[in-house]
């Protein structure tokens, strides 16, 4: 499985960005796609995930209501629409593919993209 994340950039507080994660070669065991982020000096944290089988979404409490995860199966692409961005959303965002038994745990994901930088300026 190869994952290619894109769409990051610099945005002002309150602005929006849409991240994309293009996938190829999805394996039988990868039934969920997730987004994680890592800010400088902090551990990688879960942001959102979506299950391939039924589009069931999962969100962290810090982004619920502001971020929206979706997918386009025809393009094998997962999106993360980020609205009402805050300075604390600044991080490198990674997309990942894995098993849905623990969608919020990084350990459940076997494949990771290279990350895309999101910077929210105040």
PDB file of N, CA and C in Angstrom:
ATOM      1  N   UNK A   1       0.845  -1.188   0.000  1.00  0.00           N
ATOM      2  CA  UNK A   1       0.000   0.000   0.000  1.00  0.00           C
ATOM      3  C   UNK A   1       0.885   1.244   0.000  1.00  0.00           C
ATOM      4  N   UNK A   2       0.598   2.141  -0.909  1.00  0.00           N
ATOM      5  CA  UNK A   2       1.316   3.419  -0.950  1.00  0.00           C
ATOM      6  C   UNK A   2       0.328   4.542  -0.689  1.00  0.00           C
ATOM      7  N   UNK A   3       0.738   5.474   0.133  1.00  0.00           N
ATOM      8  CA  UNK A   3      -0.112   6.593   0.501  1.00  0.00           C
ATOM      9  C   UNK A   3       0.605   7.897   0.182  1.00  0.00           C
ATOM     10  N   UNK A   4      -0.098   8.810  -0.433  1.00  0.00           N
ATOM     11  CA  UNK A   4       0.476  10.099  -0.804  1.00  0.00           C
ATOM     12  C   UNK A   4      -0.415  11.201  -0.268  1.00  0.00           C
ATOM     13  N   UNK A   5       0.066  11.894   0.765  1.00  0.00           N
ATOM     14  CA  UNK A   5      -0.702  12.979   1.360  1.00  0.00           C
ATOM     15  C   UNK A   5      -0.335  14.306   0.703  1.00  0.00           C
ATOM     16  N   UNK A   6      -1.323  15.170   0.574  1.00  0.00           N
ATOM     17  CA  UNK A   6      -1.093  16.486  -0.010  1.00  0.00           C
ATOM     18  C   UNK A   6      -2.150  17.459   0.507  1.00  0.00           C
ATOM     19  N   UNK A   7      -1.949  18.740   0.190  1.00  0.00           N
ATOM     20  CA  UNK A   7      -2.943  19.748   0.529  1.00  0.00           C
ATOM     21  C   UNK A   7      -2.603  20.640   1.707  1.00  0.00           C
ATOM     22  N   UNK A   8      -1.491  20.371   2.362  1.00  0.00           N
ATOM     23  CA  UNK A   8      -1.111  21.215   3.482  1.00  0.00           C
ATOM     24  C   UNK A   8      -0.673  22.595   3.018  1.00  0.00           C
ATOM     25  N   UNK A   9      -0.480  23.484   3.989  1.00  0.00           N
ATOM     26  CA  UNK A   9      -0.041  24.825   3.658  1.00  0.00           C
ATOM     27  C   UNK A   9      -0.171  25.756   4.840  1.00  0.00           C
ATOM     28  N   UNK A  10      -0.054  27.039   4.548  1.00  0.00           N
ATOM     29  CA  UNK A  10      -0.160  28.085   5.567  1.00  0.00           C
ATOM     30  C   UNK A  10      -1.529  28.741   5.458  1.00  0.00           C
ATOM     31  N   UNK A  11      -2.204  28.849   6.583  1.00  0.00           N
ATOM     32  CA  UNK A  11      -3.544  29.436   6.590  1.00  0.00           C
ATOM     33  C   UNK A  11      -3.712  30.250   7.869  1.00  0.00           C
ATOM     34  N   UNK A  12      -4.560  31.243   7.803  1.00  0.00           N
ATOM     35  CA  UNK A  12      -4.814  32.067   8.977  1.00  0.00           C
ATOM     36  C   UNK A  12      -5.847  31.407   9.894  1.00  0.00           C
ATOM     37  N   UNK A  13      -5.837  31.843  11.115  1.00  0.00           N
ATOM     38  CA  UNK A  13      -6.819  31.349  12.083  1.00  0.00           C
ATOM     39  C   UNK A  13      -8.226  31.526  11.528  1.00  0.00           C
ATOM     40  N   UNK A  14      -9.018  30.485  11.664  1.00  0.00           N
ATOM     41  CA  UNK A  14     -10.379  30.514  11.162  1.00  0.00           C
ATOM     42  C   UNK A  14     -10.520  30.054   9.727  1.00  0.00           C
ATOM     43  N   UNK A  15      -9.394  29.856   9.071  1.00  0.00           N
ATOM     44  CA  UNK A  15      -9.429  29.435   7.679  1.00  0.00           C
ATOM     45  C   UNK A  15      -9.662  27.944   7.521  1.00  0.00           C
ATOM     46  N   UNK A  16      -9.599  27.505   6.259  1.00  0.00           N
ATOM     47  CA  UNK A  16      -9.869  26.107   5.928  1.00  0.00           C
ATOM     48  C   UNK A  16      -8.793  25.548   5.011  1.00  0.00           C
ATOM     49  N   UNK A  17      -8.614  24.260   5.107  1.00  0.00           N
ATOM     50  CA  UNK A  17      -7.751  23.518   4.200  1.00  0.00           C
ATOM     51  C   UNK A  17      -8.374  22.158   3.967  1.00  0.00           C
ATOM     52  N   UNK A  18      -8.082  21.578   2.813  1.00  0.00           N
ATOM     53  CA  UNK A  18      -8.508  20.210   2.557  1.00  0.00           C
ATOM     54  C   UNK A  18      -7.290  19.359   2.224  1.00  0.00           C
ATOM     55  N   UNK A  19      -7.071  18.363   3.034  1.00  0.00           N
ATOM     56  CA  UNK A  19      -5.991  17.423   2.796  1.00  0.00           C
ATOM     57  C   UNK A  19      -6.510  16.241   1.981  1.00  0.00           C
ATOM     58  N   UNK A  20      -5.636  15.702   1.160  1.00  0.00           N
ATOM     59  CA  UNK A  20      -5.971  14.524   0.373  1.00  0.00           C
ATOM     60  C   UNK A  20      -4.953  13.432   0.638  1.00  0.00           C
ATOM     61  N   UNK A  21      -5.411  12.209   0.562  1.00  0.00           N
ATOM     62  CA  UNK A  21      -4.524  11.060   0.701  1.00  0.00           C
ATOM     63  C   UNK A  21      -4.875  10.070  -0.399  1.00  0.00           C
ATOM     64  N   UNK A  22      -4.029  10.005  -1.390  1.00  0.00           N
ATOM     65  CA  UNK A  22      -4.234   9.077  -2.491  1.00  0.00           C
ATOM     66  C   UNK A  22      -3.602   7.733  -2.144  1.00  0.00           C
ATOM     67  N   UNK A  23      -4.352   6.683  -2.357  1.00  0.00           N
ATOM     68  CA  UNK A  23      -3.867   5.355  -2.006  1.00  0.00           C
ATOM     69  C   UNK A  23      -3.765   4.475  -3.241  1.00  0.00           C
ATOM     70  N   UNK A  24      -2.876   3.517  -3.147  1.00  0.00           N
ATOM     71  CA  UNK A  24      -2.753   2.542  -4.219  1.00  0.00           C
ATOM     72  C   UNK A  24      -2.406   1.206  -3.605  1.00  0.00           C
ATOM     73  N   UNK A  25      -2.915   0.158  -4.216  1.00  0.00           N
ATOM     74  CA  UNK A  25      -2.560  -1.164  -3.756  1.00  0.00           C
ATOM     75  C   UNK A  25      -3.099  -1.513  -2.391  1.00  0.00           C
ATOM     76  N   UNK A  26      -4.356  -1.146  -2.099  1.00  0.00           N
ATOM     77  CA  UNK A  26      -4.935  -1.427  -0.782  1.00  0.00           C
ATOM     78  C   UNK A  26      -5.000  -2.935  -0.550  1.00  0.00           C
ATOM     79  N   UNK A  27      -4.553  -3.345   0.630  1.00  0.00           N
ATOM     80  CA  UNK A  27      -4.555  -4.758   0.957  1.00  0.00           C
ATOM     81  C   UNK A  27      -5.878  -5.154   1.596  1.00  0.00           C
ATOM     82  N   UNK A  28      -6.131  -6.451   1.645  1.00  0.00           N
ATOM     83  CA  UNK A  28      -7.359  -6.973   2.226  1.00  0.00           C
ATOM     84  C   UNK A  28      -7.506  -6.552   3.677  1.00  0.00           C
ATOM     85  N   UNK A  29      -6.398  -6.457   4.420  1.00  0.00           N
ATOM     86  CA  UNK A  29      -6.481  -6.183   5.851  1.00  0.00           C
ATOM     87  C   UNK A  29      -6.652  -4.709   6.166  1.00  0.00           C
ATOM     88  N   UNK A  30      -6.458  -3.832   5.202  1.00  0.00           N
ATOM     89  CA  UNK A  30      -6.543  -2.390   5.471  1.00  0.00           C
ATOM     90  C   UNK A  30      -7.966  -1.931   5.231  1.00  0.00           C
ATOM     91  N   UNK A  31      -8.763  -1.947   6.291  1.00  0.00           N
ATOM     92  CA  UNK A  31     -10.163  -1.582   6.120  1.00  0.00           C
ATOM     93  C   UNK A  31     -10.504  -0.230   6.721  1.00  0.00           C
ATOM     94  N   UNK A  32      -9.473   0.536   7.087  1.00  0.00           N
ATOM     95  CA  UNK A  32      -9.741   1.865   7.609  1.00  0.00           C
ATOM     96  C   UNK A  32      -8.611   2.790   7.193  1.00  0.00           C
ATOM     97  N   UNK A  33      -8.983   4.035   6.968  1.00  0.00           N
ATOM     98  CA  UNK A  33      -8.010   5.077   6.652  1.00  0.00           C
ATOM     99  C   UNK A  33      -8.086   6.130   7.746  1.00  0.00           C
ATOM    100  N   UNK A  34      -6.927   6.570   8.182  1.00  0.00           N
ATOM    101  CA  UNK A  34      -6.907   7.538   9.267  1.00  0.00           C
ATOM    102  C   UNK A  34      -5.975   8.700   8.995  1.00  0.00           C
ATOM    103  N   UNK A  35      -6.189   9.768   9.743  1.00  0.00           N
ATOM    104  CA  UNK A  35      -5.296  10.920   9.746  1.00  0.00           C
ATOM    105  C   UNK A  35      -4.773  11.097  11.168  1.00  0.00           C
ATOM    106  N   UNK A  36      -3.495  11.296  11.259  1.00  0.00           N
ATOM    107  CA  UNK A  36      -2.840  11.605  12.518  1.00  0.00           C
ATOM    108  C   UNK A  36      -2.034  12.880  12.319  1.00  0.00           C
ATOM    109  N   UNK A  37      -1.647  13.488  13.401  1.00  0.00           N
ATOM    110  CA  UNK A  37      -0.809  14.668  13.289  1.00  0.00           C
ATOM    111  C   UNK A  37       0.234  14.689  14.395  1.00  0.00           C
ATOM    112  N   UNK A  38       1.314  15.389  14.117  1.00  0.00           N
ATOM    113  CA  UNK A  38       2.383  15.500  15.091  1.00  0.00           C
ATOM    114  C   UNK A  38       2.931  16.909  15.065  1.00  0.00           C
ATOM    115  N   UNK A  39       2.800  17.578  16.185  1.00  0.00           N
ATOM    116  CA  UNK A  39       3.342  18.924  16.344  1.00  0.00           C
ATOM    117  C   UNK A  39       4.753  18.825  16.919  1.00  0.00           C
ATOM    118  N   UNK A  40       5.559  19.860  16.729  1.00  0.00           N
ATOM    119  CA  UNK A  40       6.931  19.834  17.253  1.00  0.00           C
ATOM    120  C   UNK A  40       6.963  19.584  18.752  1.00  0.00           C
ATOM    121  N   UNK A  41       7.761  18.607  19.158  1.00  0.00           N
ATOM    122  CA  UNK A  41       7.906  18.309  20.565  1.00  0.00           C
ATOM    123  C   UNK A  41       6.770  17.513  21.180  1.00  0.00           C
ATOM    124  N   UNK A  42       5.830  17.101  20.343  1.00  0.00           N
ATOM    125  CA  UNK A  42       4.682  16.344  20.856  1.00  0.00           C
ATOM    126  C   UNK A  42       4.587  14.984  20.185  1.00  0.00           C
ATOM    127  N   UNK A  43       3.839  14.102  20.805  1.00  0.00           N
ATOM    128  CA  UNK A  43       3.639  12.789  20.233  1.00  0.00           C
ATOM    129  C   UNK A  43       2.605  12.854  19.114  1.00  0.00           C
ATOM    130  N   UNK A  44       2.681  11.864  18.246  1.00  0.00           N
ATOM    131  CA  UNK A  44       1.697  11.761  17.175  1.00  0.00           C
ATOM    132  C   UNK A  44       0.329  11.482  17.785  1.00  0.00           C
ATOM    133  N   UNK A  45      -0.694  12.188  17.305  1.00  0.00           N
ATOM    134  CA  UNK A  45      -2.029  12.002  17.860  1.00  0.00           C
ATOM    135  C   UNK A  45      -3.055  11.734  16.765  1.00  0.00           C
ATOM    136  N   UNK A  46      -4.066  11.018  17.146  1.00  0.00           N
ATOM    137  CA  UNK A  46      -5.161  10.684  16.231  1.00  0.00           C
ATOM    138  C   UNK A  46      -5.987  11.924  15.931  1.00  0.00           C
ATOM    139  N   UNK A  47      -6.401  12.038  14.669  1.00  0.00           N
ATOM    140  CA  UNK A  47      -7.261  13.155  14.256  1.00  0.00           C
ATOM    141  C   UNK A  47      -8.624  12.636  13.805  1.00  0.00           C
ATOM    142  N   UNK A  48      -8.620  11.773  12.806  1.00  0.00           N
ATOM    143  CA  UNK A  48      -9.875  11.270  12.249  1.00  0.00           C
ATOM    144  C   UNK A  48      -9.597   9.987  11.484  1.00  0.00           C
ATOM    145  N   UNK A  49     -10.664   9.207  11.278  1.00  0.00           N
ATOM    146  CA  UNK A  49     -10.542   7.984  10.495  1.00  0.00           C
ATOM    147  C   UNK A  49     -11.875   7.681   9.852  1.00  0.00           C
ATOM    148  N   UNK A  50     -11.822   6.888   8.802  1.00  0.00           N
ATOM    149  CA  UNK A  50     -13.039   6.487   8.119  1.00  0.00           C
ATOM    150  C   UNK A  50     -12.904   5.030   7.708  1.00  0.00           C
ATOM    151  N   UNK A  51     -13.973   4.274   7.908  1.00  0.00           N
ATOM    152  CA  UNK A  51     -13.962   2.854   7.587  1.00  0.00           C
ATOM    153  C   UNK A  51     -14.420   2.661   6.156  1.00  0.00           C
ATOM    154  N   UNK A  52     -13.679   1.859   5.409  1.00  0.00           N
ATOM    155  CA  UNK A  52     -13.982   1.646   4.002  1.00  0.00           C
ATOM    156  C   UNK A  52     -15.367   1.036   3.798  1.00  0.00           C
ATOM    157  N   UNK A  53     -15.756   0.093   4.665  1.00  0.00           N
ATOM    158  CA  UNK A  53     -16.949  -0.710   4.395  1.00  0.00           C
ATOM    159  C   UNK A  53     -18.239   0.088   4.457  1.00  0.00           C
ATOM    160  N   UNK A  54     -18.304   1.049   5.386  1.00  0.00           N
ATOM    161  CA  UNK A  54     -19.572   1.759   5.572  1.00  0.00           C
ATOM    162  C   UNK A  54     -19.405   3.261   5.811  1.00  0.00           C
ATOM    163  N   UNK A  55     -18.206   3.782   5.561  1.00  0.00           N
ATOM    164  CA  UNK A  55     -17.933   5.219   5.740  1.00  0.00           C
ATOM    165  C   UNK A  55     -18.128   5.689   7.176  1.00  0.00           C
ATOM    166  N   UNK A  56     -18.061   4.778   8.120  1.00  0.00           N
ATOM    167  CA  UNK A  56     -18.173   5.183   9.521  1.00  0.00           C
ATOM    168  C   UNK A  56     -17.003   6.087   9.887  1.00  0.00           C
ATOM    169  N   UNK A  57     -17.293   7.321  10.366  1.00  0.00           N
ATOM    170  CA  UNK A  57     -16.209   8.224  10.717  1.00  0.00           C
ATOM    171  C   UNK A  57     -15.865   8.170  12.214  1.00  0.00           C
ATOM    172  N   UNK A  58     -14.649   8.512  12.512  1.00  0.00           N
ATOM    173  CA  UNK A  58     -14.185   8.638  13.891  1.00  0.00           C
ATOM    174  C   UNK A  58     -13.427   9.951  13.978  1.00  0.00           C
ATOM    175  N   UNK A  59     -13.614  10.673  15.061  1.00  0.00           N
ATOM    176  CA  UNK A  59     -12.933  11.947  15.257  1.00  0.00           C
ATOM    177  C   UNK A  59     -12.379  12.054  16.664  1.00  0.00           C
ATOM    178  N   UNK A  60     -11.287  12.788  16.775  1.00  0.00           N
ATOM    179  CA  UNK A  60     -10.819  13.132  18.109  1.00  0.00           C
ATOM    180  C   UNK A  60     -11.687  14.260  18.644  1.00  0.00           C
ATOM    181  N   UNK A  61     -11.722  14.388  19.933  1.00  0.00           N
ATOM    182  CA  UNK A  61     -12.545  15.426  20.531  1.00  0.00           C
ATOM    183  C   UNK A  61     -12.119  16.829  20.144  1.00  0.00           C
ATOM    184  N   UNK A  62     -10.842  16.999  19.867  1.00  0.00           N
ATOM    185  CA  UNK A  62     -10.329  18.333  19.564  1.00  0.00           C
ATOM    186  C   UNK A  62     -10.704  18.831  18.171  1.00  0.00           C
ATOM    187  N   UNK A  63     -11.121  17.935  17.284  1.00  0.00           N
ATOM    188  CA  UNK A  63     -11.454  18.360  15.920  1.00  0.00           C
ATOM    189  C   UNK A  63     -12.905  18.103  15.562  1.00  0.00           C
ATOM    190  N   UNK A  64     -13.607  17.360  16.388  1.00  0.00           N
ATOM    191  CA  UNK A  64     -14.996  17.036  16.075  1.00  0.00           C
ATOM    192  C   UNK A  64     -15.814  18.307  15.946  1.00  0.00           C
ATOM    193  N   UNK A  65     -16.579  18.365  14.864  1.00  0.00           N
ATOM    194  CA  UNK A  65     -17.371  19.553  14.588  1.00  0.00           C
ATOM    195  C   UNK A  65     -16.671  20.566  13.704  1.00  0.00           C
ATOM    196  N   UNK A  66     -15.354  20.430  13.563  1.00  0.00           N
ATOM    197  CA  UNK A  66     -14.581  21.335  12.696  1.00  0.00           C
ATOM    198  C   UNK A  66     -14.004  20.614  11.480  1.00  0.00           C
ATOM    199  N   UNK A  67     -13.633  19.366  11.664  1.00  0.00           N
ATOM    200  CA  UNK A  67     -13.043  18.587  10.583  1.00  0.00           C
ATOM    201  C   UNK A  67     -14.054  17.571  10.074  1.00  0.00           C
ATOM    202  N   UNK A  68     -13.897  17.240   8.800  1.00  0.00           N
ATOM    203  CA  UNK A  68     -14.779  16.243   8.190  1.00  0.00           C
ATOM    204  C   UNK A  68     -13.944  15.309   7.330  1.00  0.00           C
ATOM    205  N   UNK A  69     -14.062  14.012   7.578  1.00  0.00           N
ATOM    206  CA  UNK A  69     -13.332  13.034   6.784  1.00  0.00           C
ATOM    207  C   UNK A  69     -14.289  12.386   5.796  1.00  0.00           C
ATOM    208  N   UNK A  70     -13.802  12.178   4.597  1.00  0.00           N
ATOM    209  CA  UNK A  70     -14.625  11.558   3.563  1.00  0.00           C
ATOM    210  C   UNK A  70     -13.709  10.792   2.618  1.00  0.00           C
ATOM    211  N   UNK A  71     -14.331  10.056   1.720  1.00  0.00           N
ATOM    212  CA  UNK A  71     -13.527   9.314   0.762  1.00  0.00           C
ATOM    213  C   UNK A  71     -14.231   9.261  -0.578  1.00  0.00           C
ATOM    214  N   UNK A  72     -13.419   9.083  -1.604  1.00  0.00           N
ATOM    215  CA  UNK A  72     -13.912   8.870  -2.956  1.00  0.00           C
ATOM    216  C   UNK A  72     -13.331   7.534  -3.409  1.00  0.00           C
ATOM    217  N   UNK A  73     -14.155   6.495  -3.359  1.00  0.00           N
ATOM    218  CA  UNK A  73     -13.649   5.163  -3.662  1.00  0.00           C
ATOM    219  C   UNK A  73     -13.226   5.036  -5.117  1.00  0.00           C
ATOM    220  N   UNK A  74     -13.836   5.802  -5.996  1.00  0.00           N
ATOM    221  CA  UNK A  74     -13.477   5.738  -7.411  1.00  0.00           C
ATOM    222  C   UNK A  74     -12.064   6.252  -7.649  1.00  0.00           C
ATOM    223  N   UNK A  75     -11.601   7.123  -6.758  1.00  0.00           N
ATOM    224  CA  UNK A  75     -10.255   7.689  -6.873  1.00  0.00           C
ATOM    225  C   UNK A  75      -9.307   7.112  -5.831  1.00  0.00           C
ATOM    226  N   UNK A  76      -9.816   6.200  -5.005  1.00  0.00           N
ATOM    227  CA  UNK A  76      -9.001   5.649  -3.913  1.00  0.00           C
ATOM    228  C   UNK A  76      -8.349   6.754  -3.099  1.00  0.00           C
ATOM    229  N   UNK A  77      -9.124   7.756  -2.789  1.00  0.00           N
ATOM    230  CA  UNK A  77      -8.607   8.934  -2.100  1.00  0.00           C
ATOM    231  C   UNK A  77      -9.468   9.247  -0.885  1.00  0.00           C
ATOM    232  N   UNK A  78      -8.800   9.605   0.185  1.00  0.00           N
ATOM    233  CA  UNK A  78      -9.471  10.034   1.408  1.00  0.00           C
ATOM    234  C   UNK A  78      -9.163  11.514   1.623  1.00  0.00           C
ATOM    235  N   UNK A  79     -10.157  12.249   2.076  1.00  0.00           N
ATOM    236  CA  UNK A  79     -10.017  13.687   2.280  1.00  0.00           C
ATOM    237  C   UNK A  79     -10.223  14.047   3.742  1.00  0.00           C
ATOM    238  N   UNK A  80      -9.573  15.106   4.144  1.00  0.00           N
ATOM    239  CA  UNK A  80      -9.812  15.681   5.468  1.00  0.00           C
ATOM    240  C   UNK A  80     -10.068  17.168   5.266  1.00  0.00           C
ATOM    241  N   UNK A  81     -11.322  17.540   5.369  1.00  0.00           N
ATOM    242  CA  UNK A  81     -11.700  18.947   5.281  1.00  0.00           C
ATOM    243  C   UNK A  81     -11.559  19.565   6.661  1.00  0.00           C
ATOM    244  N   UNK A  82     -10.720  20.575   6.755  1.00  0.00           N
ATOM    245  CA  UNK A  82     -10.431  21.204   8.042  1.00  0.00           C
ATOM    246  C   UNK A  82     -10.952  22.634   8.026  1.00  0.00           C
ATOM    247  N   UNK A  83     -11.877  22.918   8.891  1.00  0.00           N
ATOM    248  CA  UNK A  83     -12.484  24.245   8.986  1.00  0.00           C
ATOM    249  C   UNK A  83     -12.206  24.860  10.351  1.00  0.00           C
ATOM    250  N   UNK A  84     -12.400  26.148  10.431  1.00  0.00           N
ATOM    251  CA  UNK A  84     -12.211  26.870  11.700  1.00  0.00           C
ATOM    252  C   UNK A  84     -10.874  26.520  12.336  1.00  0.00           C
ATOM    253  N   UNK A  85      -9.844  26.584  11.541  1.00  0.00           N
ATOM    254  CA  UNK A  85      -8.532  26.155  12.010  1.00  0.00           C
ATOM    255  C   UNK A  85      -8.000  27.061  13.120  1.00  0.00           C
ATOM    256  N   UNK A  86      -7.287  26.431  14.031  1.00  0.00           N
ATOM    257  CA  UNK A  86      -6.719  27.115  15.188  1.00  0.00           C
ATOM    258  C   UNK A  86      -5.196  26.938  15.178  1.00  0.00           C
ATOM    259  N   UNK A  87      -4.482  27.794  15.868  1.00  0.00           N
ATOM    260  CA  UNK A  87      -3.018  27.648  15.924  1.00  0.00           C
ATOM    261  C   UNK A  87      -2.596  26.267  16.434  1.00  0.00           C
ATOM    262  N   UNK A  88      -3.369  25.691  17.340  1.00  0.00           N
ATOM    263  CA  UNK A  88      -3.016  24.379  17.882  1.00  0.00           C
ATOM    264  C   UNK A  88      -3.227  23.239  16.883  1.00  0.00           C
ATOM    265  N   UNK A  89      -3.793  23.541  15.732  1.00  0.00           N
ATOM    266  CA  UNK A  89      -3.898  22.538  14.671  1.00  0.00           C
ATOM    267  C   UNK A  89      -2.607  22.446  13.859  1.00  0.00           C
ATOM    268  N   UNK A  90      -1.683  23.348  14.110  1.00  0.00           N
ATOM    269  CA  UNK A  90      -0.409  23.332  13.399  1.00  0.00           C
ATOM    270  C   UNK A  90       0.350  22.046  13.691  1.00  0.00           C
ATOM    271  N   UNK A  91       0.699  21.322  12.638  1.00  0.00           N
ATOM    272  CA  UNK A  91       1.377  20.034  12.782  1.00  0.00           C
ATOM    273  C   UNK A  91       1.665  19.462  11.402  1.00  0.00           C
ATOM    274  N   UNK A  92       2.411  18.388  11.403  1.00  0.00           N
ATOM    275  CA  UNK A  92       2.524  17.576  10.194  1.00  0.00           C
ATOM    276  C   UNK A  92       1.402  16.547  10.260  1.00  0.00           C
ATOM    277  N   UNK A  93       0.652  16.466   9.187  1.00  0.00           N
ATOM    278  CA  UNK A  93      -0.481  15.554   9.123  1.00  0.00           C
ATOM    279  C   UNK A  93      -0.105  14.341   8.280  1.00  0.00           C
ATOM    280  N   UNK A  94      -0.376  13.170   8.833  1.00  0.00           N
ATOM    281  CA  UNK A  94      -0.067  11.917   8.175  1.00  0.00           C
ATOM    282  C   UNK A  94      -1.345  11.132   7.921  1.00  0.00           C
ATOM    283  N   UNK A  95      -1.424  10.524   6.743  1.00  0.00           N
ATOM    284  CA  UNK A  95      -2.511   9.590   6.514  1.00  0.00           C
ATOM    285  C   UNK A  95      -1.959   8.174   6.657  1.00  0.00           C
ATOM    286  N   UNK A  96      -2.851   7.281   7.009  1.00  0.00           N
ATOM    287  CA  UNK A  96      -2.430   5.914   7.289  1.00  0.00           C
ATOM    288  C   UNK A  96      -3.547   4.941   6.945  1.00  0.00           C
ATOM    289  N   UNK A  97      -3.163   3.703   6.686  1.00  0.00           N
ATOM    290  CA  UNK A  97      -4.127   2.638   6.392  1.00  0.00           C
ATOM    291  C   UNK A  97      -3.902   1.491   7.372  1.00  0.00           C
ATOM    292  N   UNK A  98      -5.014   0.932   7.868  1.00  0.00           N
ATOM    293  CA  UNK A  98      -4.855  -0.145   8.841  1.00  0.00           C
ATOM    294  C   UNK A  98      -6.139  -0.885   9.106  1.00  0.00           C
ATOM    295  N   UNK A  99      -6.189  -1.529  10.281  1.00  0.00           N
ATOM    296  CA  UNK A  99      -7.336  -2.316  10.704  1.00  0.00           C
ATOM    297  C   UNK A  99      -8.259  -1.492  11.581  1.00  0.00           C
ATOM    298  N   UNK A 100      -9.541  -1.704  11.436  1.00  0.00           N
ATOM    299  CA  UNK A 100     -10.522  -0.887  12.145  1.00  0.00           C
ATOM    300  C   UNK A 100     -10.781  -1.346  13.579  1.00  0.00           C
ATOM    301  N   UNK A 101     -10.019  -2.328  14.088  1.00  0.00           N
ATOM    302  CA  UNK A 101     -10.289  -2.785  15.453  1.00  0.00           C
ATOM    303  C   UNK A 101      -9.965  -1.716  16.480  1.00  0.00           C
ATOM    304  N   UNK A 102      -9.085  -0.791  16.113  1.00  0.00           N
ATOM    305  CA  UNK A 102      -8.703   0.293  17.028  1.00  0.00           C
ATOM    306  C   UNK A 102      -8.388   1.539  16.214  1.00  0.00           C
ATOM    307  N   UNK A 103      -9.392   2.173  15.662  1.00  0.00           N
ATOM    308  CA  UNK A 103      -9.151   3.265  14.715  1.00  0.00           C
ATOM    309  C   UNK A 103      -8.412   4.456  15.284  1.00  0.00           C
ATOM    310  N   UNK A 104      -8.398   4.624  16.594  1.00  0.00           N
ATOM    311  CA  UNK A 104      -7.743   5.782  17.189  1.00  0.00           C
ATOM    312  C   UNK A 104      -6.304   5.503  17.623  1.00  0.00           C
ATOM    313  N   UNK A 105      -5.861   4.288  17.442  1.00  0.00           N
ATOM    314  CA  UNK A 105      -4.511   3.924  17.867  1.00  0.00           C
ATOM    315  C   UNK A 105      -3.565   3.821  16.679  1.00  0.00           C
ATOM    316  N   UNK A 106      -2.446   4.508  16.771  1.00  0.00           N
ATOM    317  CA  UNK A 106      -1.480   4.490  15.682  1.00  0.00           C
ATOM    318  C   UNK A 106      -0.972   3.074  15.415  1.00  0.00           C
ATOM    319  N   UNK A 107      -0.928   2.250  16.445  1.00  0.00           N
ATOM    320  CA  UNK A 107      -0.444   0.887  16.291  1.00  0.00           C
ATOM    321  C   UNK A 107      -1.311   0.002  15.425  1.00  0.00           C
ATOM    322  N   UNK A 108      -2.557   0.435  15.174  1.00  0.00           N
ATOM    323  CA  UNK A 108      -3.454  -0.360  14.338  1.00  0.00           C
ATOM    324  C   UNK A 108      -3.235  -0.105  12.857  1.00  0.00           C
ATOM    325  N   UNK A 109      -2.368   0.836  12.546  1.00  0.00           N
ATOM    326  CA  UNK A 109      -2.129   1.217  11.163  1.00  0.00           C
ATOM    327  C   UNK A 109      -0.801   0.667  10.670  1.00  0.00           C
ATOM    328  N   UNK A 110      -0.854   0.018   9.527  1.00  0.00           N
ATOM    329  CA  UNK A 110       0.333  -0.642   8.989  1.00  0.00           C
ATOM    330  C   UNK A 110       1.075   0.190   7.957  1.00  0.00           C
ATOM    331  N   UNK A 111       0.363   1.104   7.328  1.00  0.00           N
ATOM    332  CA  UNK A 111       0.944   1.859   6.228  1.00  0.00           C
ATOM    333  C   UNK A 111       0.757   3.346   6.473  1.00  0.00           C
ATOM    334  N   UNK A 112       1.813   4.099   6.196  1.00  0.00           N
ATOM    335  CA  UNK A 112       1.806   5.533   6.473  1.00  0.00           C
ATOM    336  C   UNK A 112       2.299   6.316   5.262  1.00  0.00           C
ATOM    337  N   UNK A 113       1.696   7.476   5.071  1.00  0.00           N
ATOM    338  CA  UNK A 113       2.174   8.389   4.049  1.00  0.00           C
ATOM    339  C   UNK A 113       3.300   9.249   4.599  1.00  0.00           C
ATOM    340  N   UNK A 114       3.791  10.153   3.785  1.00  0.00           N
ATOM    341  CA  UNK A 114       4.978  10.914   4.139  1.00  0.00           C
ATOM    342  C   UNK A 114       4.681  12.156   4.971  1.00  0.00           C
ATOM    343  N   UNK A 115       3.441  12.556   5.080  1.00  0.00           N
ATOM    344  CA  UNK A 115       3.084  13.723   5.870  1.00  0.00           C
ATOM    345  C   UNK A 115       3.019  14.999   5.048  1.00  0.00           C
ATOM    346  N   UNK A 116       2.148  15.889   5.485  1.00  0.00           N
ATOM    347  CA  UNK A 116       2.024  17.198   4.856  1.00  0.00           C
ATOM    348  C   UNK A 116       1.883  18.247   5.960  1.00  0.00           C
ATOM    349  N   UNK A 117       2.616  19.337   5.824  1.00  0.00           N
ATOM    350  CA  UNK A 117       2.667  20.355   6.875  1.00  0.00           C
ATOM    351  C   UNK A 117       1.459  21.280   6.801  1.00  0.00           C
ATOM    352  N   UNK A 118       0.837  21.476   7.955  1.00  0.00           N
ATOM    353  CA  UNK A 118      -0.232  22.451   8.097  1.00  0.00           C
ATOM    354  C   UNK A 118       0.208  23.473   9.139  1.00  0.00           C
ATOM    355  N   UNK A 119       0.187  24.734   8.765  1.00  0.00           N
ATOM    356  CA  UNK A 119       0.574  25.804   9.673  1.00  0.00           C
ATOM    357  C   UNK A 119      -0.557  26.820   9.744  1.00  0.00           C
ATOM    358  N   UNK A 120      -1.025  27.072  10.953  1.00  0.00           N
ATOM    359  CA  UNK A 120      -2.106  28.024  11.172  1.00  0.00           C
ATOM    360  C   UNK A 120      -1.525  29.229  11.903  1.00  0.00           C
ATOM    361  N   UNK A 121      -1.574  30.363  11.252  1.00  0.00           N
ATOM    362  CA  UNK A 121      -0.982  31.566  11.827  1.00  0.00           C
ATOM    363  C   UNK A 121      -2.052  32.417  12.508  1.00  0.00           C
ATOM    364  N   UNK A 122      -1.651  33.042  13.600  1.00  0.00           N
ATOM    365  CA  UNK A 122      -2.599  33.881  14.351  1.00  0.00           C
ATOM    366  C   UNK A 122      -2.373  35.353  14.061  1.00  0.00           C
TER     367      UNK A 122
END
